[in-house]
Amino acid sequence: LAFSQVSTGTLTGLLVDPSLSPIQNTRILLIDEARGLQRETLSNETGQFRIPSLPSGTYRLEVSQPGFSQFRRENIQVTSGQSVHLDVRLQTAAVQESITIS
């Protein structure tokens, strides 16, 4: 009986705003600079995201959504056969006002 060895891992997560409400349709980018690998996905209607089939390595996660500050987390370790879960709370971006008087 032969068993195949799993050689990839998975990153899952939940994306919420400061009030812990889910944020949907948000761009999630995972980068492995050592390999030049980038994977991208969107959060679903409940704020969840999943990036499967990741080679073992160290990754950087970047999350961007209009109206929120950009989120970045370094040194995420993904290992073969494991699932890593990250909860991400985006902060509301500071609003800059510009008033022109003529």
PDB file of N, CA and C in Angstrom:
ATOM      1  N   LEU A   1       0.841  -1.182   0.000  1.00  0.00           N
ATOM      2  CA  LEU A   1       0.000   0.000   0.000  1.00  0.00           C
ATOM      3  C   LEU A   1       0.885   1.244   0.000  1.00  0.00           C
ATOM      4  N   ALA A   2       0.721   2.101  -0.989  1.00  0.00           N
ATOM      5  CA  ALA A   2       1.546   3.305  -1.097  1.00  0.00           C
ATOM      6  C   ALA A   2       0.731   4.533  -0.728  1.00  0.00           C
ATOM      7  N   PHE A   3       1.349   5.420  -0.005  1.00  0.00           N
ATOM      8  CA  PHE A   3       0.714   6.681   0.360  1.00  0.00           C
ATOM      9  C   PHE A   3       1.434   7.810  -0.354  1.00  0.00           C
ATOM     10  N   SER A   4       0.655   8.712  -0.926  1.00  0.00           N
ATOM     11  CA  SER A   4       1.293   9.868  -1.548  1.00  0.00           C
ATOM     12  C   SER A   4       1.557  10.911  -0.471  1.00  0.00           C
ATOM     13  N   GLN A   5       2.665  11.571  -0.591  1.00  0.00           N
ATOM     14  CA  GLN A   5       3.055  12.563   0.395  1.00  0.00           C
ATOM     15  C   GLN A   5       2.579  13.937  -0.066  1.00  0.00           C
ATOM     16  N   VAL A   6       1.946  14.663   0.844  1.00  0.00           N
ATOM     17  CA  VAL A   6       1.477  16.004   0.527  1.00  0.00           C
ATOM     18  C   VAL A   6       2.676  16.946   0.574  1.00  0.00           C
ATOM     19  N   SER A   7       2.910  17.664  -0.516  1.00  0.00           N
ATOM     20  CA  SER A   7       4.083  18.532  -0.564  1.00  0.00           C
ATOM     21  C   SER A   7       3.722  20.011  -0.550  1.00  0.00           C
ATOM     22  N   THR A   8       2.454  20.317  -0.299  1.00  0.00           N
ATOM     23  CA  THR A   8       2.040  21.713  -0.256  1.00  0.00           C
ATOM     24  C   THR A   8       1.212  21.977   0.999  1.00  0.00           C
ATOM     25  N   GLY A   9       1.074  23.242   1.320  1.00  0.00           N
ATOM     26  CA  GLY A   9       0.256  23.666   2.451  1.00  0.00           C
ATOM     27  C   GLY A   9      -0.830  24.619   1.980  1.00  0.00           C
ATOM     28  N   THR A  10      -1.641  25.077   2.923  1.00  0.00           N
ATOM     29  CA  THR A  10      -2.774  25.949   2.623  1.00  0.00           C
ATOM     30  C   THR A  10      -2.794  27.115   3.599  1.00  0.00           C
ATOM     31  N   LEU A  11      -3.164  28.293   3.098  1.00  0.00           N
ATOM     32  CA  LEU A  11      -3.384  29.455   3.958  1.00  0.00           C
ATOM     33  C   LEU A  11      -4.864  29.785   3.922  1.00  0.00           C
ATOM     34  N   THR A  12      -5.484  29.874   5.086  1.00  0.00           N
ATOM     35  CA  THR A  12      -6.877  30.282   5.189  1.00  0.00           C
ATOM     36  C   THR A  12      -6.947  31.478   6.122  1.00  0.00           C
ATOM     37  N   GLY A  13      -8.048  32.210   6.048  1.00  0.00           N
ATOM     38  CA  GLY A  13      -8.180  33.356   6.935  1.00  0.00           C
ATOM     39  C   GLY A  13      -9.559  33.955   6.915  1.00  0.00           C
ATOM     40  N   LEU A  14      -9.726  34.909   7.810  1.00  0.00           N
ATOM     41  CA  LEU A  14     -10.968  35.662   7.941  1.00  0.00           C
ATOM     42  C   LEU A  14     -10.616  37.135   7.950  1.00  0.00           C
ATOM     43  N   LEU A  15     -11.305  37.907   7.119  1.00  0.00           N
ATOM     44  CA  LEU A  15     -11.051  39.330   6.960  1.00  0.00           C
ATOM     45  C   LEU A  15     -12.227  40.115   7.530  1.00  0.00           C
ATOM     46  N   VAL A  16     -11.937  40.983   8.525  1.00  0.00           N
ATOM     47  CA  VAL A  16     -12.998  41.754   9.179  1.00  0.00           C
ATOM     48  C   VAL A  16     -12.593  43.221   9.288  1.00  0.00           C
ATOM     49  N   ASP A  17     -13.598  44.080   9.540  1.00  0.00           N
ATOM     50  CA  ASP A  17     -13.347  45.506   9.759  1.00  0.00           C
ATOM     51  C   ASP A  17     -13.205  45.759  11.260  1.00  0.00           C
ATOM     52  N   PRO A  18     -12.999  47.010  11.692  1.00  0.00           N
ATOM     53  CA  PRO A  18     -12.799  47.272  13.124  1.00  0.00           C
ATOM     54  C   PRO A  18     -13.949  46.822  14.024  1.00  0.00           C
ATOM     55  N   SER A  19     -15.177  46.721  13.483  1.00  0.00           N
ATOM     56  CA  SER A  19     -16.327  46.269  14.285  1.00  0.00           C
ATOM     57  C   SER A  19     -16.529  44.756  14.190  1.00  0.00           C
ATOM     58  N   LEU A  20     -15.557  44.056  13.572  1.00  0.00           N
ATOM     59  CA  LEU A  20     -15.557  42.595  13.381  1.00  0.00           C
ATOM     60  C   LEU A  20     -16.588  42.110  12.362  1.00  0.00           C
ATOM     61  N   SER A  21     -17.087  43.021  11.515  1.00  0.00           N
ATOM     62  CA  SER A  21     -17.966  42.621  10.416  1.00  0.00           C
ATOM     63  C   SER A  21     -17.108  42.118   9.264  1.00  0.00           C
ATOM     64  N   PRO A  22     -17.544  41.051   8.587  1.00  0.00           N
ATOM     65  CA  PRO A  22     -16.744  40.512   7.483  1.00  0.00           C
ATOM     66  C   PRO A  22     -16.630  41.504   6.328  1.00  0.00           C
ATOM     67  N   ILE A  23     -15.491  41.478   5.660  1.00  0.00           N
ATOM     68  CA  ILE A  23     -15.261  42.309   4.480  1.00  0.00           C
ATOM     69  C   ILE A  23     -15.155  41.379   3.282  1.00  0.00           C
ATOM     70  N   GLN A  24     -16.037  41.563   2.314  1.00  0.00           N
ATOM     71  CA  GLN A  24     -16.048  40.670   1.152  1.00  0.00           C
ATOM     72  C   GLN A  24     -15.380  41.320  -0.058  1.00  0.00           C
ATOM     73  N   ASN A  25     -15.072  40.482  -1.043  1.00  0.00           N
ATOM     74  CA  ASN A  25     -14.485  40.916  -2.321  1.00  0.00           C
ATOM     75  C   ASN A  25     -13.247  41.787  -2.144  1.00  0.00           C
ATOM     76  N   THR A  26     -12.386  41.385  -1.220  1.00  0.00           N
ATOM     77  CA  THR A  26     -11.158  42.122  -0.952  1.00  0.00           C
ATOM     78  C   THR A  26      -9.972  41.346  -1.519  1.00  0.00           C
ATOM     79  N   ARG A  27      -9.054  42.063  -2.136  1.00  0.00           N
ATOM     80  CA  ARG A  27      -7.880  41.458  -2.762  1.00  0.00           C
ATOM     81  C   ARG A  27      -6.895  40.998  -1.692  1.00  0.00           C
ATOM     82  N   ILE A  28      -6.544  39.719  -1.755  1.00  0.00           N
ATOM     83  CA  ILE A  28      -5.568  39.103  -0.855  1.00  0.00           C
ATOM     84  C   ILE A  28      -4.399  38.649  -1.731  1.00  0.00           C
ATOM     85  N   LEU A  29      -3.199  39.122  -1.416  1.00  0.00           N
ATOM     86  CA  LEU A  29      -2.017  38.764  -2.192  1.00  0.00           C
ATOM     87  C   LEU A  29      -1.011  38.094  -1.272  1.00  0.00           C
ATOM     88  N   LEU A  30      -0.532  36.920  -1.683  1.00  0.00           N
ATOM     89  CA  LEU A  30       0.468  36.172  -0.924  1.00  0.00           C
ATOM     90  C   LEU A  30       1.723  36.071  -1.779  1.00  0.00           C
ATOM     91  N   ILE A  31       2.859  36.465  -1.214  1.00  0.00           N
ATOM     92  CA  ILE A  31       4.099  36.566  -1.983  1.00  0.00           C
ATOM     93  C   ILE A  31       5.209  35.753  -1.327  1.00  0.00           C
ATOM     94  N   ASP A  32       5.878  34.933  -2.131  1.00  0.00           N
ATOM     95  CA  ASP A  32       7.090  34.231  -1.713  1.00  0.00           C
ATOM     96  C   ASP A  32       8.215  34.826  -2.549  1.00  0.00           C
ATOM     97  N   GLU A  33       8.935  35.791  -1.985  1.00  0.00           N
ATOM     98  CA  GLU A  33       9.974  36.491  -2.744  1.00  0.00           C
ATOM     99  C   GLU A  33      11.142  35.584  -3.110  1.00  0.00           C
ATOM    100  N   ALA A  34      11.431  34.585  -2.278  1.00  0.00           N
ATOM    101  CA  ALA A  34      12.548  33.679  -2.556  1.00  0.00           C
ATOM    102  C   ALA A  34      12.336  32.927  -3.865  1.00  0.00           C
ATOM    103  N   ARG A  35      11.094  32.567  -4.171  1.00  0.00           N
ATOM    104  CA  ARG A  35      10.787  31.819  -5.398  1.00  0.00           C
ATOM    105  C   ARG A  35      10.199  32.694  -6.494  1.00  0.00           C
ATOM    106  N   GLY A  36       9.857  33.938  -6.155  1.00  0.00           N
ATOM    107  CA  GLY A  36       9.190  34.790  -7.131  1.00  0.00           C
ATOM    108  C   GLY A  36       7.745  34.369  -7.349  1.00  0.00           C
ATOM    109  N   LEU A  37       7.148  33.727  -6.341  1.00  0.00           N
ATOM    110  CA  LEU A  37       5.784  33.206  -6.448  1.00  0.00           C
ATOM    111  C   LEU A  37       4.791  34.208  -5.863  1.00  0.00           C
ATOM    112  N   GLN A  38       3.712  34.466  -6.600  1.00  0.00           N
ATOM    113  CA  GLN A  38       2.625  35.296  -6.092  1.00  0.00           C
ATOM    114  C   GLN A  38       1.309  34.571  -6.336  1.00  0.00           C
ATOM    115  N   ARG A  39       0.463  34.576  -5.313  1.00  0.00           N
ATOM    116  CA  ARG A  39      -0.878  33.987  -5.439  1.00  0.00           C
ATOM    117  C   ARG A  39      -1.875  35.034  -4.977  1.00  0.00           C
ATOM    118  N   GLU A  40      -2.986  35.138  -5.674  1.00  0.00           N
ATOM    119  CA  GLU A  40      -3.979  36.149  -5.358  1.00  0.00           C
ATOM    120  C   GLU A  40      -5.363  35.513  -5.277  1.00  0.00           C
ATOM    121  N   THR A  41      -6.173  36.030  -4.365  1.00  0.00           N
ATOM    122  CA  THR A  41      -7.550  35.579  -4.246  1.00  0.00           C
ATOM    123  C   THR A  41      -8.392  36.735  -3.722  1.00  0.00           C
ATOM    124  N   LEU A  42      -9.695  36.522  -3.619  1.00  0.00           N
ATOM    125  CA  LEU A  42     -10.610  37.498  -3.034  1.00  0.00           C
ATOM    126  C   LEU A  42     -11.308  36.873  -1.841  1.00  0.00           C
ATOM    127  N   SER A  43     -11.614  37.697  -0.836  1.00  0.00           N
ATOM    128  CA  SER A  43     -12.408  37.196   0.288  1.00  0.00           C
ATOM    129  C   SER A  43     -13.843  36.973  -0.194  1.00  0.00           C
ATOM    130  N   ASN A  44     -14.513  35.985   0.390  1.00  0.00           N
ATOM    131  CA  ASN A  44     -15.881  35.677  -0.031  1.00  0.00           C
ATOM    132  C   ASN A  44     -16.895  36.525   0.752  1.00  0.00           C
ATOM    133  N   GLU A  45     -18.173  36.213   0.600  1.00  0.00           N
ATOM    134  CA  GLU A  45     -19.225  37.028   1.218  1.00  0.00           C
ATOM    135  C   GLU A  45     -19.198  37.013   2.744  1.00  0.00           C
ATOM    136  N   THR A  46     -18.532  36.033   3.347  1.00  0.00           N
ATOM    137  CA  THR A  46     -18.415  35.980   4.806  1.00  0.00           C
ATOM    138  C   THR A  46     -17.022  36.405   5.276  1.00  0.00           C
ATOM    139  N   GLY A  47     -16.225  37.005   4.373  1.00  0.00           N
ATOM    140  CA  GLY A  47     -14.905  37.505   4.726  1.00  0.00           C
ATOM    141  C   GLY A  47     -13.814  36.447   4.739  1.00  0.00           C
ATOM    142  N   GLN A  48     -14.147  35.222   4.366  1.00  0.00           N
ATOM    143  CA  GLN A  48     -13.159  34.147   4.408  1.00  0.00           C
ATOM    144  C   GLN A  48     -12.362  34.090   3.104  1.00  0.00           C
ATOM    145  N   PHE A  49     -11.119  33.630   3.232  1.00  0.00           N
ATOM    146  CA  PHE A  49     -10.295  33.411   2.042  1.00  0.00           C
ATOM    147  C   PHE A  49      -9.483  32.134   2.233  1.00  0.00           C
ATOM    148  N   ARG A  50      -9.062  31.571   1.087  1.00  0.00           N
ATOM    149  CA  ARG A  50      -8.303  30.313   1.101  1.00  0.00           C
ATOM    150  C   ARG A  50      -7.357  30.308  -0.088  1.00  0.00           C
ATOM    151  N   ILE A  51      -6.086  30.012   0.189  1.00  0.00           N
ATOM    152  CA  ILE A  51      -5.086  29.880  -0.871  1.00  0.00           C
ATOM    153  C   ILE A  51      -4.450  28.501  -0.708  1.00  0.00           C
ATOM    154  N   PRO A  52      -4.854  27.528  -1.534  1.00  0.00           N
ATOM    155  CA  PRO A  52      -4.335  26.158  -1.408  1.00  0.00           C
ATOM    156  C   PRO A  52      -3.073  25.936  -2.245  1.00  0.00           C
ATOM    157  N   SER A  53      -2.512  24.751  -2.111  1.00  0.00           N
ATOM    158  CA  SER A  53      -1.404  24.271  -2.952  1.00  0.00           C
ATOM    159  C   SER A  53      -0.179  25.176  -2.917  1.00  0.00           C
ATOM    160  N   LEU A  54       0.205  25.596  -1.702  1.00  0.00           N
ATOM    161  CA  LEU A  54       1.374  26.456  -1.543  1.00  0.00           C
ATOM    162  C   LEU A  54       2.609  25.615  -1.224  1.00  0.00           C
ATOM    163  N   PRO A  55       3.698  25.797  -1.971  1.00  0.00           N
ATOM    164  CA  PRO A  55       4.942  25.119  -1.605  1.00  0.00           C
ATOM    165  C   PRO A  55       5.398  25.606  -0.226  1.00  0.00           C
ATOM    166  N   SER A  56       6.058  24.731   0.524  1.00  0.00           N
ATOM    167  CA  SER A  56       6.594  25.134   1.827  1.00  0.00           C
ATOM    168  C   SER A  56       7.500  26.339   1.650  1.00  0.00           C
ATOM    169  N   GLY A  57       7.388  27.295   2.573  1.00  0.00           N
ATOM    170  CA  GLY A  57       8.232  28.477   2.489  1.00  0.00           C
ATOM    171  C   GLY A  57       7.754  29.580   3.404  1.00  0.00           C
ATOM    172  N   THR A  58       8.375  30.729   3.249  1.00  0.00           N
ATOM    173  CA  THR A  58       8.047  31.915   4.025  1.00  0.00           C
ATOM    174  C   THR A  58       7.385  32.923   3.098  1.00  0.00           C
ATOM    175  N   TYR A  59       6.237  33.421   3.514  1.00  0.00           N
ATOM    176  CA  TYR A  59       5.419  34.280   2.668  1.00  0.00           C
ATOM    177  C   TYR A  59       5.136  35.623   3.332  1.00  0.00           C
ATOM    178  N   ARG A  60       4.738  36.580   2.493  1.00  0.00           N
ATOM    179  CA  ARG A  60       4.246  37.877   2.944  1.00  0.00           C
ATOM    180  C   ARG A  60       2.812  38.017   2.461  1.00  0.00           C
ATOM    181  N   LEU A  61       1.920  38.449   3.352  1.00  0.00           N
ATOM    182  CA  LEU A  61       0.513  38.646   3.016  1.00  0.00           C
ATOM    183  C   LEU A  61       0.229  40.136   2.910  1.00  0.00           C
ATOM    184  N   GLU A  62      -0.420  40.539   1.818  1.00  0.00           N
ATOM    185  CA  GLU A  62      -0.831  41.927   1.640  1.00  0.00           C
ATOM    186  C   GLU A  62      -2.318  41.949   1.323  1.00  0.00           C
ATOM    187  N   VAL A  63      -3.036  42.838   2.022  1.00  0.00           N
ATOM    188  CA  VAL A  63      -4.482  42.964   1.836  1.00  0.00           C
ATOM    189  C   VAL A  63      -4.785  44.426   1.555  1.00  0.00           C
ATOM    190  N   SER A  64      -5.532  44.684   0.493  1.00  0.00           N
ATOM    191  CA  SER A  64      -5.885  46.064   0.177  1.00  0.00           C
ATOM    192  C   SER A  64      -7.351  46.149  -0.229  1.00  0.00           C
ATOM    193  N   GLN A  65      -8.009  47.183   0.299  1.00  0.00           N
ATOM    194  CA  GLN A  65      -9.420  47.432   0.016  1.00  0.00           C
ATOM    195  C   GLN A  65      -9.655  48.934   0.170  1.00  0.00           C
ATOM    196  N   PRO A  66     -10.278  49.590  -0.831  1.00  0.00           N
ATOM    197  CA  PRO A  66     -10.552  51.022  -0.703  1.00  0.00           C
ATOM    198  C   PRO A  66     -11.321  51.331   0.589  1.00  0.00           C
ATOM    199  N   GLY A  67     -10.915  52.421   1.258  1.00  0.00           N
ATOM    200  CA  GLY A  67     -11.550  52.821   2.502  1.00  0.00           C
ATOM    201  C   GLY A  67     -10.876  52.262   3.747  1.00  0.00           C
ATOM    202  N   PHE A  68      -9.897  51.351   3.537  1.00  0.00           N
ATOM    203  CA  PHE A  68      -9.182  50.736   4.655  1.00  0.00           C
ATOM    204  C   PHE A  68      -7.682  50.928   4.474  1.00  0.00           C
ATOM    205  N   SER A  69      -6.950  50.938   5.578  1.00  0.00           N
ATOM    206  CA  SER A  69      -5.493  50.974   5.517  1.00  0.00           C
ATOM    207  C   SER A  69      -4.988  49.645   4.967  1.00  0.00           C
ATOM    208  N   GLN A  70      -3.912  49.697   4.188  1.00  0.00           N
ATOM    209  CA  GLN A  70      -3.337  48.462   3.657  1.00  0.00           C
ATOM    210  C   GLN A  70      -2.766  47.647   4.807  1.00  0.00           C
ATOM    211  N   PHE A  71      -2.984  46.331   4.735  1.00  0.00           N
ATOM    212  CA  PHE A  71      -2.489  45.404   5.754  1.00  0.00           C
ATOM    213  C   PHE A  71      -1.343  44.607   5.157  1.00  0.00           C
ATOM    214  N   ARG A  72      -0.309  44.390   5.975  1.00  0.00           N
ATOM    215  CA  ARG A  72       0.836  43.595   5.515  1.00  0.00           C
ATOM    216  C   ARG A  72       1.361  42.785   6.695  1.00  0.00           C
ATOM    217  N   ARG A  73       1.579  41.488   6.476  1.00  0.00           N
ATOM    218  CA  ARG A  73       2.194  40.639   7.498  1.00  0.00           C
ATOM    219  C   ARG A  73       3.331  39.861   6.853  1.00  0.00           C
ATOM    220  N   GLU A  74       4.502  39.914   7.473  1.00  0.00           N
ATOM    221  CA  GLU A  74       5.707  39.251   6.975  1.00  0.00           C
ATOM    222  C   GLU A  74       5.901  37.906   7.683  1.00  0.00           C
ATOM    223  N   ASN A  75       6.790  37.102   7.141  1.00  0.00           N
ATOM    224  CA  ASN A  75       7.274  35.863   7.773  1.00  0.00           C
ATOM    225  C   ASN A  75       6.181  34.862   8.137  1.00  0.00           C
ATOM    226  N   ILE A  76       5.276  34.620   7.233  1.00  0.00           N
ATOM    227  CA  ILE A  76       4.254  33.591   7.428  1.00  0.00           C
ATOM    228  C   ILE A  76       4.848  32.270   6.963  1.00  0.00           C
ATOM    229  N   GLN A  77       4.964  31.325   7.863  1.00  0.00           N
ATOM    230  CA  GLN A  77       5.563  30.029   7.558  1.00  0.00           C
ATOM    231  C   GLN A  77       4.491  29.036   7.115  1.00  0.00           C
ATOM    232  N   VAL A  78       4.622  28.514   5.908  1.00  0.00           N
ATOM    233  CA  VAL A  78       3.730  27.481   5.387  1.00  0.00           C
ATOM    234  C   VAL A  78       4.555  26.217   5.222  1.00  0.00           C
ATOM    235  N   THR A  79       4.061  25.115   5.786  1.00  0.00           N
ATOM    236  CA  THR A  79       4.774  23.842   5.679  1.00  0.00           C
ATOM    237  C   THR A  79       3.896  22.800   4.997  1.00  0.00           C
ATOM    238  N   SER A  80       4.539  21.812   4.421  1.00  0.00           N
ATOM    239  CA  SER A  80       3.836  20.754   3.691  1.00  0.00           C
ATOM    240  C   SER A  80       2.815  20.054   4.567  1.00  0.00           C
ATOM    241  N   GLY A  81       1.631  19.864   4.018  1.00  0.00           N
ATOM    242  CA  GLY A  81       0.586  19.117   4.705  1.00  0.00           C
ATOM    243  C   GLY A  81      -0.118  19.887   5.808  1.00  0.00           C
ATOM    244  N   GLN A  82       0.228  21.153   5.997  1.00  0.00           N
ATOM    245  CA  GLN A  82      -0.369  21.937   7.074  1.00  0.00           C
ATOM    246  C   GLN A  82      -1.254  23.045   6.513  1.00  0.00           C
ATOM    247  N   SER A  83      -2.217  23.469   7.337  1.00  0.00           N
ATOM    248  CA  SER A  83      -3.048  24.611   7.016  1.00  0.00           C
ATOM    249  C   SER A  83      -2.761  25.697   8.043  1.00  0.00           C
ATOM    250  N   VAL A  84      -2.433  26.879   7.557  1.00  0.00           N
ATOM    251  CA  VAL A  84      -2.168  28.039   8.415  1.00  0.00           C
ATOM    252  C   VAL A  84      -3.386  28.945   8.338  1.00  0.00           C
ATOM    253  N   HIS A  85      -3.870  29.401   9.502  1.00  0.00           N
ATOM    254  CA  HIS A  85      -5.042  30.275   9.544  1.00  0.00           C
ATOM    255  C   HIS A  85      -4.644  31.633  10.113  1.00  0.00           C
ATOM    256  N   LEU A  86      -5.059  32.704   9.428  1.00  0.00           N
ATOM    257  CA  LEU A  86      -4.798  34.072   9.876  1.00  0.00           C
ATOM    258  C   LEU A  86      -6.097  34.859   9.900  1.00  0.00           C
ATOM    259  N   ASP A  87      -6.357  35.524  11.018  1.00  0.00           N
ATOM    260  CA  ASP A  87      -7.460  36.472  11.078  1.00  0.00           C
ATOM    261  C   ASP A  87      -6.873  37.855  10.842  1.00  0.00           C
ATOM    262  N   VAL A  88      -7.480  38.609   9.937  1.00  0.00           N
ATOM    263  CA  VAL A  88      -6.982  39.928   9.566  1.00  0.00           C
ATOM    264  C   VAL A  88      -8.062  40.958   9.864  1.00  0.00           C
ATOM    265  N   ARG A  89      -7.716  41.951  10.696  1.00  0.00           N
ATOM    266  CA  ARG A  89      -8.645  43.050  10.984  1.00  0.00           C
ATOM    267  C   ARG A  89      -8.104  44.304  10.307  1.00  0.00           C
ATOM    268  N   LEU A  90      -8.820  44.761   9.275  1.00  0.00           N
ATOM    269  CA  LEU A  90      -8.420  45.981   8.582  1.00  0.00           C
ATOM    270  C   LEU A  90      -8.887  47.196   9.370  1.00  0.00           C
ATOM    271  N   GLN A  91      -8.047  48.232   9.388  1.00  0.00           N
ATOM    272  CA  GLN A  91      -8.392  49.488  10.055  1.00  0.00           C
ATOM    273  C   GLN A  91      -8.910  50.478   9.016  1.00  0.00           C
ATOM    274  N   THR A  92      -9.880  51.274   9.424  1.00  0.00           N
ATOM    275  CA  THR A  92     -10.432  52.295   8.542  1.00  0.00           C
ATOM    276  C   THR A  92      -9.339  53.306   8.213  1.00  0.00           C
ATOM    277  N   ALA A  93      -9.248  53.656   6.939  1.00  0.00           N
ATOM    278  CA  ALA A  93      -8.223  54.607   6.502  1.00  0.00           C
ATOM    279  C   ALA A  93      -8.595  56.006   6.967  1.00  0.00           C
ATOM    280  N   ALA A  94      -7.578  56.769   7.303  1.00  0.00           N
ATOM    281  CA  ALA A  94      -7.803  58.165   7.677  1.00  0.00           C
ATOM    282  C   ALA A  94      -8.277  58.933   6.450  1.00  0.00           C
ATOM    283  N   VAL A  95      -9.272  59.766   6.639  1.00  0.00           N
ATOM    284  CA  VAL A  95      -9.822  60.552   5.539  1.00  0.00           C
ATOM    285  C   VAL A  95      -9.091  61.883   5.495  1.00  0.00           C
ATOM    286  N   GLN A  96      -8.615  62.217   4.315  1.00  0.00           N
ATOM    287  CA  GLN A  96      -7.962  63.508   4.144  1.00  0.00           C
ATOM    288  C   GLN A  96      -8.911  64.417   3.385  1.00  0.00           C
ATOM    289  N   GLU A  97      -9.174  65.582   3.959  1.00  0.00           N
ATOM    290  CA  GLU A  97     -10.065  66.534   3.318  1.00  0.00           C
ATOM    291  C   GLU A  97      -9.246  67.643   2.692  1.00  0.00           C
ATOM    292  N   SER A  98      -9.717  68.115   1.587  1.00  0.00           N
ATOM    293  CA  SER A  98      -9.074  69.239   0.919  1.00  0.00           C
ATOM    294  C   SER A  98     -10.154  70.244   0.557  1.00  0.00           C
ATOM    295  N   ILE A  99      -9.990  71.457   1.032  1.00  0.00           N
ATOM    296  CA  ILE A  99     -10.970  72.498   0.741  1.00  0.00           C
ATOM    297  C   ILE A  99     -10.287  73.574  -0.091  1.00  0.00           C
ATOM    298  N   THR A 100     -10.903  73.886  -1.215  1.00  0.00           N
ATOM    299  CA  THR A 100     -10.381  74.935  -2.074  1.00  0.00           C
ATOM    300  C   THR A 100     -11.346  76.105  -2.070  1.00  0.00           C
ATOM    301  N   ILE A 101     -10.822  77.268  -1.732  1.00  0.00           N
ATOM    302  CA  ILE A 101     -11.668  78.477  -1.724  1.00  0.00           C
ATOM    303  C   ILE A 101     -11.196  79.361  -2.868  1.00  0.00           C
ATOM    304  N   SER A 102     -12.160  79.791  -3.705  1.00  0.00           N
ATOM    305  CA  SER A 102     -11.774  80.651  -4.823  1.00  0.00           C
ATOM    306  C   SER A 102     -12.539  81.945  -4.827  1.00  0.00           C
TER     307      SER A 102
END
